[in-house]
Amino acid sequence: MKLGIAAMILAVAFAGVVAFIAALEGSERASAAKSPEESTRGGLVRGDPGVKPWVERTITSSGTALASASTSASASPTAGSVAAGDGATLPLDEYGYPLPTREQIEAVDHARRFRLPPGAIMSLSVPDIELKNVPVFHSDARGALNRGGIHLSDTSLPWSDTPERNVYVAGHRLGWPGTGSHLVFYRLDELTGGEKIVLRRGNGRRYEYRVLESFIVGPHDDWVTGRVRGRDLLTLQTCTPMPTFEKRLIVRAERV
């Protein structure tokens, strides 16, 4: 009788252990099945009141490249185009930026290295799209944007002394030929998850991030500029789709 009771107790205990393991595995599978959107956007609480998103302005004035393009456009027999340096005609998008030639696109598929000029607060490197030391300026002035990427004012810096960070950097998808920002973020849509991004301060200190996700928002979705509680993020922005550029392509990465 005692043996029978003991056997029953052991059987019940064993069944309980099996049920617990099954429940645990089910929970892990459910967690692993979460989409990237859920992992970084769903259910997260903003840690700051937010700032207005940076909006790419139409460039219509000074600069050698701008003057050259303007002259070529007025001389061209085809409306809505400018003459490229190689004699080809470049169609213009709705903002007036010349669409890239085949040769320019081919050049973007190879390594592009930049020098850190005076005034840049840090550089940005993305090995998977062959960007090396893109200068980033703490200004949204036209001149700064023509020279590389810009850091959105009122958002974090990698060295900000805050509980969480969201370093927000914007750059041209097209821009003007001959400027430092020309096609700088042309291949940004190739970053989908796992790629490395490195920010480097002028003193040489590195801040390394891994891409979590990419997604598209409207031009006034300012929530993407805000910090997220407990997270150390980097957000890259450029305009999409070509050639209308009516939305914003966002690449979000986290510090490692």
C-alpha atoms as a PDB file:
ATOM      1  CA  MET A   1       0.000   0.000   0.000  1.00  0.00           C
ATOM      2  CA  LYS A   2       2.763   2.434   1.008  1.00  0.00           C
ATOM      3  CA  LEU A   3       4.681   1.538  -2.159  1.00  0.00           C
ATOM      4  CA  GLY A   4       1.601   2.284  -4.248  1.00  0.00           C
ATOM      5  CA  ILE A   5       1.107   5.704  -2.649  1.00  0.00           C
ATOM      6  CA  ALA A   6       4.780   6.564  -3.080  1.00  0.00           C
ATOM      7  CA  ALA A   7       4.608   5.584  -6.744  1.00  0.00           C
ATOM      8  CA  MET A   8       1.574   7.819  -7.265  1.00  0.00           C
ATOM      9  CA  ILE A   9       3.333  10.781  -5.624  1.00  0.00           C
ATOM     10  CA  LEU A  10       6.380  10.278  -7.841  1.00  0.00           C
ATOM     11  CA  ALA A  11       4.177  10.073 -10.941  1.00  0.00           C
ATOM     12  CA  VAL A  12       2.361  13.312 -10.073  1.00  0.00           C
ATOM     13  CA  ALA A  13       5.645  15.093  -9.360  1.00  0.00           C
ATOM     14  CA  PHE A  14       7.121  13.904 -12.661  1.00  0.00           C
ATOM     15  CA  ALA A  15       4.034  15.083 -14.547  1.00  0.00           C
ATOM     16  CA  GLY A  16       4.346  18.493 -12.890  1.00  0.00           C
ATOM     17  CA  VAL A  17       7.988  18.821 -13.945  1.00  0.00           C
ATOM     18  CA  VAL A  18       7.120  17.889 -17.541  1.00  0.00           C
ATOM     19  CA  ALA A  19       4.296  20.453 -17.603  1.00  0.00           C
ATOM     20  CA  PHE A  20       6.592  23.168 -16.229  1.00  0.00           C
ATOM     21  CA  ILE A  21       9.285  22.477 -18.866  1.00  0.00           C
ATOM     22  CA  ALA A  22       6.683  22.519 -21.631  1.00  0.00           C
ATOM     23  CA  ALA A  23       5.308  25.843 -20.416  1.00  0.00           C
ATOM     24  CA  LEU A  24       8.806  27.314 -20.215  1.00  0.00           C
ATOM     25  CA  GLU A  25       9.660  26.219 -23.763  1.00  0.00           C
ATOM     26  CA  GLY A  26       6.385  27.650 -25.005  1.00  0.00           C
ATOM     27  CA  SER A  27       7.192  30.979 -23.356  1.00  0.00           C
ATOM     28  CA  GLU A  28      10.662  31.057 -24.939  1.00  0.00           C
ATOM     29  CA  ARG A  29       9.232  30.299 -28.375  1.00  0.00           C
ATOM     30  CA  ALA A  30       6.680  33.066 -27.995  1.00  0.00           C
ATOM     31  CA  SER A  31       9.408  35.489 -26.958  1.00  0.00           C
ATOM     32  CA  ALA A  32      11.621  34.494 -29.892  1.00  0.00           C
ATOM     33  CA  ALA A  33       8.706  34.941 -32.273  1.00  0.00           C
ATOM     34  CA  LYS A  34       8.301  38.641 -31.435  1.00  0.00           C
ATOM     35  CA  SER A  35       8.779  40.870 -34.438  1.00  0.00           C
ATOM     36  CA  PRO A  36      11.547  43.526 -34.552  1.00  0.00           C
ATOM     37  CA  GLU A  37       8.786  46.112 -34.275  1.00  0.00           C
ATOM     38  CA  GLU A  38       7.649  44.650 -30.971  1.00  0.00           C
ATOM     39  CA  SER A  39      11.225  44.473 -29.740  1.00  0.00           C
ATOM     40  CA  THR A  40      11.976  48.189 -30.069  1.00  0.00           C
ATOM     41  CA  ARG A  41       8.705  50.007 -30.584  1.00  0.00           C
ATOM     42  CA  GLY A  42       5.893  48.067 -28.961  1.00  0.00           C
ATOM     43  CA  GLY A  43       5.283  48.690 -25.273  1.00  0.00           C
ATOM     44  CA  LEU A  44       8.284  50.945 -24.700  1.00  0.00           C
ATOM     45  CA  VAL A  45       7.924  54.112 -22.661  1.00  0.00           C
ATOM     46  CA  ARG A  46       9.444  57.381 -23.835  1.00  0.00           C
ATOM     47  CA  GLY A  47      11.934  58.796 -21.353  1.00  0.00           C
ATOM     48  CA  ASP A  48      11.711  62.374 -22.601  1.00  0.00           C
ATOM     49  CA  PRO A  49       9.036  64.777 -23.922  1.00  0.00           C
ATOM     50  CA  GLY A  50      10.382  64.495 -27.481  1.00  0.00           C
ATOM     51  CA  VAL A  51      11.528  67.075 -29.994  1.00  0.00           C
ATOM     52  CA  LYS A  52      10.372  67.943 -33.475  1.00  0.00           C
ATOM     53  CA  PRO A  53      11.768  65.719 -36.241  1.00  0.00           C
ATOM     54  CA  TRP A  54      14.363  67.096 -38.588  1.00  0.00           C
ATOM     55  CA  VAL A  55      12.854  67.902 -41.977  1.00  0.00           C
ATOM     56  CA  GLU A  56      15.103  67.990 -45.029  1.00  0.00           C
ATOM     57  CA  ARG A  57      14.901  71.438 -46.560  1.00  0.00           C
ATOM     58  CA  THR A  58      14.976  72.183 -50.252  1.00  0.00           C
ATOM     59  CA  ILE A  59      18.350  73.636 -51.204  1.00  0.00           C
ATOM     60  CA  THR A  60      18.001  76.392 -53.755  1.00  0.00           C
ATOM     61  CA  SER A  61      20.812  78.865 -53.214  1.00  0.00           C
ATOM     62  CA  SER A  62      24.555  79.420 -52.898  1.00  0.00           C
ATOM     63  CA  GLY A  63      27.473  77.093 -53.440  1.00  0.00           C
ATOM     64  CA  THR A  64      29.598  76.186 -56.462  1.00  0.00           C
ATOM     65  CA  ALA A  65      27.776  72.921 -57.060  1.00  0.00           C
ATOM     66  CA  LEU A  66      24.398  74.623 -56.751  1.00  0.00           C
ATOM     67  CA  ALA A  67      25.330  77.406 -59.132  1.00  0.00           C
ATOM     68  CA  SER A  68      26.720  74.917 -61.636  1.00  0.00           C
ATOM     69  CA  ALA A  69      23.610  72.774 -61.466  1.00  0.00           C
ATOM     70  CA  SER A  70      21.361  75.815 -61.806  1.00  0.00           C
ATOM     71  CA  THR A  71      23.258  77.030 -64.861  1.00  0.00           C
ATOM     72  CA  SER A  72      23.127  73.593 -66.450  1.00  0.00           C
ATOM     73  CA  ALA A  73      19.419  73.303 -65.767  1.00  0.00           C
ATOM     74  CA  SER A  74      18.657  76.601 -67.476  1.00  0.00           C
ATOM     75  CA  ALA A  75      20.801  75.638 -70.468  1.00  0.00           C
ATOM     76  CA  SER A  76      19.371  72.149 -70.826  1.00  0.00           C
ATOM     77  CA  PRO A  77      16.775  71.588 -73.568  1.00  0.00           C
ATOM     78  CA  THR A  78      14.899  69.186 -71.284  1.00  0.00           C
ATOM     79  CA  ALA A  79      12.788  70.647 -68.489  1.00  0.00           C
ATOM     80  CA  GLY A  80      13.288  69.085 -65.086  1.00  0.00           C
ATOM     81  CA  SER A  81      16.876  68.014 -65.661  1.00  0.00           C
ATOM     82  CA  VAL A  82      20.458  69.212 -65.264  1.00  0.00           C
ATOM     83  CA  ALA A  83      23.548  68.387 -67.236  1.00  0.00           C
ATOM     84  CA  ALA A  84      26.016  66.033 -65.569  1.00  0.00           C
ATOM     85  CA  GLY A  85      29.739  66.603 -65.789  1.00  0.00           C
ATOM     86  CA  ASP A  86      30.064  63.724 -68.248  1.00  0.00           C
ATOM     87  CA  GLY A  87      27.520  65.300 -70.610  1.00  0.00           C
ATOM     88  CA  ALA A  88      24.648  63.035 -69.567  1.00  0.00           C
ATOM     89  CA  THR A  89      21.327  64.535 -68.608  1.00  0.00           C
ATOM     90  CA  LEU A  90      20.230  63.945 -65.018  1.00  0.00           C
ATOM     91  CA  PRO A  91      16.512  63.969 -64.202  1.00  0.00           C
ATOM     92  CA  LEU A  92      15.533  66.018 -61.150  1.00  0.00           C
ATOM     93  CA  ASP A  93      13.394  64.761 -58.311  1.00  0.00           C
ATOM     94  CA  GLU A  94      10.567  66.961 -57.055  1.00  0.00           C
ATOM     95  CA  TYR A  95      12.894  68.775 -54.636  1.00  0.00           C
ATOM     96  CA  GLY A  96      15.320  69.689 -57.383  1.00  0.00           C
ATOM     97  CA  TYR A  97      18.091  67.228 -56.521  1.00  0.00           C
ATOM     98  CA  PRO A  98      19.636  65.509 -59.564  1.00  0.00           C
ATOM     99  CA  LEU A  99      19.112  61.759 -59.620  1.00  0.00           C
ATOM    100  CA  PRO A 100      22.413  59.838 -59.703  1.00  0.00           C
ATOM    101  CA  THR A 101      24.044  58.660 -62.903  1.00  0.00           C
ATOM    102  CA  ARG A 102      24.990  55.041 -63.437  1.00  0.00           C
ATOM    103  CA  GLU A 103      28.640  55.887 -62.748  1.00  0.00           C
ATOM    104  CA  GLN A 104      27.749  57.585 -59.465  1.00  0.00           C
ATOM    105  CA  ILE A 105      25.702  54.602 -58.308  1.00  0.00           C
ATOM    106  CA  GLU A 106      28.574  52.274 -59.156  1.00  0.00           C
ATOM    107  CA  ALA A 107      30.909  54.470 -57.098  1.00  0.00           C
ATOM    108  CA  VAL A 108      28.555  54.198 -54.115  1.00  0.00           C
ATOM    109  CA  ASP A 109      28.955  50.415 -54.253  1.00  0.00           C
ATOM    110  CA  HIS A 110      32.625  50.816 -53.326  1.00  0.00           C
ATOM    111  CA  ALA A 111      34.309  52.038 -50.150  1.00  0.00           C
ATOM    112  CA  ARG A 112      33.860  55.748 -49.446  1.00  0.00           C
ATOM    113  CA  ARG A 113      36.234  57.356 -46.964  1.00  0.00           C
ATOM    114  CA  PHE A 114      35.821  60.841 -45.536  1.00  0.00           C
ATOM    115  CA  ARG A 115      38.057  63.186 -43.585  1.00  0.00           C
ATOM    116  CA  LEU A 116      36.916  64.749 -40.336  1.00  0.00           C
ATOM    117  CA  PRO A 117      36.955  68.516 -41.012  1.00  0.00           C
ATOM    118  CA  PRO A 118      37.013  71.252 -38.366  1.00  0.00           C
ATOM    119  CA  GLY A 119      33.621  71.667 -36.765  1.00  0.00           C
ATOM    120  CA  ALA A 120      32.585  68.016 -36.968  1.00  0.00           C
ATOM    121  CA  ILE A 121      31.743  66.603 -33.538  1.00  0.00           C
ATOM    122  CA  MET A 122      32.159  62.949 -34.523  1.00  0.00           C
ATOM    123  CA  SER A 123      32.388  60.555 -37.457  1.00  0.00           C
ATOM    124  CA  LEU A 124      30.086  57.748 -38.536  1.00  0.00           C
ATOM    125  CA  SER A 125      31.195  54.468 -40.123  1.00  0.00           C
ATOM    126  CA  VAL A 126      28.961  51.702 -41.493  1.00  0.00           C
ATOM    127  CA  PRO A 127      31.140  48.891 -42.885  1.00  0.00           C
ATOM    128  CA  ASP A 128      28.254  46.977 -44.489  1.00  0.00           C
ATOM    129  CA  ILE A 129      27.471  49.876 -46.818  1.00  0.00           C
ATOM    130  CA  GLU A 130      31.140  50.877 -47.078  1.00  0.00           C
ATOM    131  CA  LEU A 131      30.959  54.244 -45.329  1.00  0.00           C
ATOM    132  CA  LYS A 132      34.073  55.278 -43.418  1.00  0.00           C
ATOM    133  CA  ASN A 133      34.351  58.360 -41.179  1.00  0.00           C
ATOM    134  CA  VAL A 134      31.392  60.377 -42.477  1.00  0.00           C
ATOM    135  CA  PRO A 135      31.645  63.736 -40.648  1.00  0.00           C
ATOM    136  CA  VAL A 136      28.700  64.569 -38.381  1.00  0.00           C
ATOM    137  CA  PHE A 137      27.981  68.177 -37.451  1.00  0.00           C
ATOM    138  CA  HIS A 138      25.980  69.467 -34.499  1.00  0.00           C
ATOM    139  CA  SER A 139      23.968  71.798 -36.709  1.00  0.00           C
ATOM    140  CA  ASP A 140      21.024  71.665 -39.083  1.00  0.00           C
ATOM    141  CA  ALA A 141      22.361  74.529 -41.201  1.00  0.00           C
ATOM    142  CA  ARG A 142      22.474  73.985 -44.954  1.00  0.00           C
ATOM    143  CA  GLY A 143      26.253  74.231 -45.043  1.00  0.00           C
ATOM    144  CA  ALA A 144      26.618  71.505 -42.422  1.00  0.00           C
ATOM    145  CA  LEU A 145      24.250  69.167 -44.241  1.00  0.00           C
ATOM    146  CA  ASN A 146      26.189  69.669 -47.479  1.00  0.00           C
ATOM    147  CA  ARG A 147      29.362  68.467 -45.754  1.00  0.00           C
ATOM    148  CA  GLY A 148      28.104  65.165 -44.280  1.00  0.00           C
ATOM    149  CA  GLY A 149      25.527  64.133 -41.708  1.00  0.00           C
ATOM    150  CA  ILE A 150      23.938  66.313 -39.031  1.00  0.00           C
ATOM    151  CA  HIS A 151      23.158  65.556 -35.414  1.00  0.00           C
ATOM    152  CA  LEU A 152      19.629  66.664 -34.524  1.00  0.00           C
ATOM    153  CA  SER A 153      19.707  69.362 -31.869  1.00  0.00           C
ATOM    154  CA  ASP A 154      18.129  68.469 -28.542  1.00  0.00           C
ATOM    155  CA  THR A 155      18.729  64.744 -29.004  1.00  0.00           C
ATOM    156  CA  SER A 156      21.386  62.732 -27.212  1.00  0.00           C
ATOM    157  CA  LEU A 157      25.075  62.472 -27.927  1.00  0.00           C
ATOM    158  CA  PRO A 158      26.895  59.164 -27.356  1.00  0.00           C
ATOM    159  CA  TRP A 159      28.536  60.676 -24.277  1.00  0.00           C
ATOM    160  CA  SER A 160      25.420  62.383 -22.876  1.00  0.00           C
ATOM    161  CA  ASP A 161      25.082  61.907 -19.122  1.00  0.00           C
ATOM    162  CA  THR A 162      21.483  60.664 -19.211  1.00  0.00           C
ATOM    163  CA  PRO A 163      19.793  57.420 -18.097  1.00  0.00           C
ATOM    164  CA  GLU A 164      19.044  56.611 -21.741  1.00  0.00           C
ATOM    165  CA  ARG A 165      20.099  58.007 -25.109  1.00  0.00           C
ATOM    166  CA  ASN A 166      18.863  58.339 -28.676  1.00  0.00           C
ATOM    167  CA  VAL A 167      21.607  59.816 -30.862  1.00  0.00           C
ATOM    168  CA  TYR A 168      19.770  61.109 -33.944  1.00  0.00           C
ATOM    169  CA  VAL A 169      21.728  61.611 -37.190  1.00  0.00           C
ATOM    170  CA  ALA A 170      20.217  62.632 -40.539  1.00  0.00           C
ATOM    171  CA  GLY A 171      21.769  62.718 -43.994  1.00  0.00           C
ATOM    172  CA  HIS A 172      20.912  63.119 -47.654  1.00  0.00           C
ATOM    173  CA  ARG A 173      19.740  60.228 -49.786  1.00  0.00           C
ATOM    174  CA  LEU A 174      20.753  62.272 -52.840  1.00  0.00           C
ATOM    175  CA  GLY A 175      22.184  65.737 -52.165  1.00  0.00           C
ATOM    176  CA  TRP A 176      24.214  67.668 -54.718  1.00  0.00           C
ATOM    177  CA  PRO A 177      27.131  66.188 -56.717  1.00  0.00           C
ATOM    178  CA  GLY A 178      30.422  67.609 -55.558  1.00  0.00           C
ATOM    179  CA  THR A 179      29.381  68.064 -51.928  1.00  0.00           C
ATOM    180  CA  GLY A 180      30.391  65.902 -48.973  1.00  0.00           C
ATOM    181  CA  SER A 181      26.838  64.701 -48.463  1.00  0.00           C
ATOM    182  CA  HIS A 182      26.195  63.501 -52.009  1.00  0.00           C
ATOM    183  CA  LEU A 183      24.550  60.034 -51.831  1.00  0.00           C
ATOM    184  CA  VAL A 184      25.897  59.643 -48.283  1.00  0.00           C
ATOM    185  CA  PHE A 185      22.852  57.616 -47.139  1.00  0.00           C
ATOM    186  CA  TYR A 186      21.947  56.270 -50.584  1.00  0.00           C
ATOM    187  CA  ARG A 187      22.382  52.655 -49.419  1.00  0.00           C
ATOM    188  CA  LEU A 188      20.838  53.100 -45.978  1.00  0.00           C
ATOM    189  CA  ASP A 189      17.908  50.860 -46.950  1.00  0.00           C
ATOM    190  CA  GLU A 190      20.303  47.896 -47.050  1.00  0.00           C
ATOM    191  CA  LEU A 191      20.570  47.921 -43.243  1.00  0.00           C
ATOM    192  CA  THR A 192      17.914  45.602 -41.830  1.00  0.00           C
ATOM    193  CA  GLY A 193      19.391  44.103 -38.659  1.00  0.00           C
ATOM    194  CA  GLY A 194      22.697  43.004 -37.125  1.00  0.00           C
ATOM    195  CA  GLU A 195      24.985  45.398 -39.019  1.00  0.00           C
ATOM    196  CA  LYS A 196      27.654  47.344 -37.124  1.00  0.00           C
ATOM    197  CA  ILE A 197      27.698  51.144 -36.898  1.00  0.00           C
ATOM    198  CA  VAL A 198      30.555  53.026 -35.242  1.00  0.00           C
ATOM    199  CA  LEU A 199      30.554  56.612 -34.014  1.00  0.00           C
ATOM    200  CA  ARG A 200      33.979  58.051 -33.208  1.00  0.00           C
ATOM    201  CA  ARG A 201      34.558  61.194 -31.203  1.00  0.00           C
ATOM    202  CA  GLY A 202      37.301  63.655 -32.104  1.00  0.00           C
ATOM    203  CA  ASN A 203      39.434  62.325 -29.241  1.00  0.00           C
ATOM    204  CA  GLY A 204      39.332  58.852 -30.782  1.00  0.00           C
ATOM    205  CA  ARG A 205      36.821  57.241 -28.443  1.00  0.00           C
ATOM    206  CA  ARG A 206      34.577  54.708 -30.216  1.00  0.00           C
ATOM    207  CA  TYR A 207      30.902  54.001 -29.651  1.00  0.00           C
ATOM    208  CA  GLU A 208      29.719  50.823 -31.339  1.00  0.00           C
ATOM    209  CA  TYR A 209      26.124  49.944 -32.174  1.00  0.00           C
ATOM    210  CA  ARG A 210      24.241  47.061 -33.803  1.00  0.00           C
ATOM    211  CA  VAL A 211      21.268  47.648 -36.086  1.00  0.00           C
ATOM    212  CA  LEU A 212      17.975  46.465 -34.598  1.00  0.00           C
ATOM    213  CA  GLU A 213      15.563  47.321 -37.397  1.00  0.00           C
ATOM    214  CA  SER A 214      14.597  49.680 -40.190  1.00  0.00           C
ATOM    215  CA  PHE A 215      11.172  51.130 -40.877  1.00  0.00           C
ATOM    216  CA  ILE A 216       9.416  54.024 -42.603  1.00  0.00           C
ATOM    217  CA  VAL A 217       7.560  56.887 -40.955  1.00  0.00           C
ATOM    218  CA  GLY A 218       5.875  60.094 -42.047  1.00  0.00           C
ATOM    219  CA  PRO A 219       7.771  63.399 -42.060  1.00  0.00           C
ATOM    220  CA  HIS A 220       6.088  64.553 -38.849  1.00  0.00           C
ATOM    221  CA  ASP A 221       6.369  61.376 -36.742  1.00  0.00           C
ATOM    222  CA  ASP A 222       8.419  62.997 -34.017  1.00  0.00           C
ATOM    223  CA  TRP A 223       8.287  59.979 -31.698  1.00  0.00           C
ATOM    224  CA  VAL A 224      11.329  58.527 -33.485  1.00  0.00           C
ATOM    225  CA  THR A 225      13.502  61.325 -32.071  1.00  0.00           C
ATOM    226  CA  GLY A 226      12.665  60.566 -28.442  1.00  0.00           C
ATOM    227  CA  ARG A 227      14.623  58.512 -25.954  1.00  0.00           C
ATOM    228  CA  VAL A 228      13.308  55.129 -24.850  1.00  0.00           C
ATOM    229  CA  ARG A 229      13.475  54.239 -21.193  1.00  0.00           C
ATOM    230  CA  GLY A 230      16.490  52.084 -20.388  1.00  0.00           C
ATOM    231  CA  ARG A 231      17.838  51.974 -23.971  1.00  0.00           C
ATOM    232  CA  ASP A 232      21.034  53.401 -25.487  1.00  0.00           C
ATOM    233  CA  LEU A 233      20.043  53.980 -29.132  1.00  0.00           C
ATOM    234  CA  LEU A 234      21.341  55.460 -32.369  1.00  0.00           C
ATOM    235  CA  THR A 235      18.835  56.514 -35.029  1.00  0.00           C
ATOM    236  CA  LEU A 236      19.751  57.291 -38.637  1.00  0.00           C
ATOM    237  CA  GLN A 237      17.323  59.115 -40.918  1.00  0.00           C
ATOM    238  CA  THR A 238      17.116  59.792 -44.629  1.00  0.00           C
ATOM    239  CA  CYS A 239      14.334  60.467 -47.111  1.00  0.00           C
ATOM    240  CA  THR A 240      12.430  57.783 -49.032  1.00  0.00           C
ATOM    241  CA  PRO A 241      11.166  56.603 -51.485  1.00  0.00           C
ATOM    242  CA  MET A 242      13.062  57.882 -54.480  1.00  0.00           C
ATOM    243  CA  PRO A 243      12.247  60.140 -56.219  1.00  0.00           C
ATOM    244  CA  THR A 244       9.291  61.575 -54.246  1.00  0.00           C
ATOM    245  CA  PHE A 245      10.967  61.483 -50.801  1.00  0.00           C
ATOM    246  CA  GLU A 246       7.633  61.968 -49.059  1.00  0.00           C
ATOM    247  CA  LYS A 247       8.506  59.740 -46.100  1.00  0.00           C
ATOM    248  CA  ARG A 248      11.463  59.047 -43.818  1.00  0.00           C
ATOM    249  CA  LEU A 249      13.547  55.879 -43.695  1.00  0.00           C
ATOM    250  CA  ILE A 250      14.624  55.169 -40.113  1.00  0.00           C
ATOM    251  CA  VAL A 251      17.424  52.799 -39.105  1.00  0.00           C
ATOM    252  CA  ARG A 252      17.572  52.122 -35.378  1.00  0.00           C
ATOM    253  CA  ALA A 253      20.611  50.602 -33.638  1.00  0.00           C
ATOM    254  CA  GLU A 254      21.545  49.883 -30.027  1.00  0.00           C
ATOM    255  CA  ARG A 255      24.851  50.339 -28.216  1.00  0.00           C
ATOM    256  CA  VAL A 256      26.859  47.170 -27.631  1.00  0.00           C
END
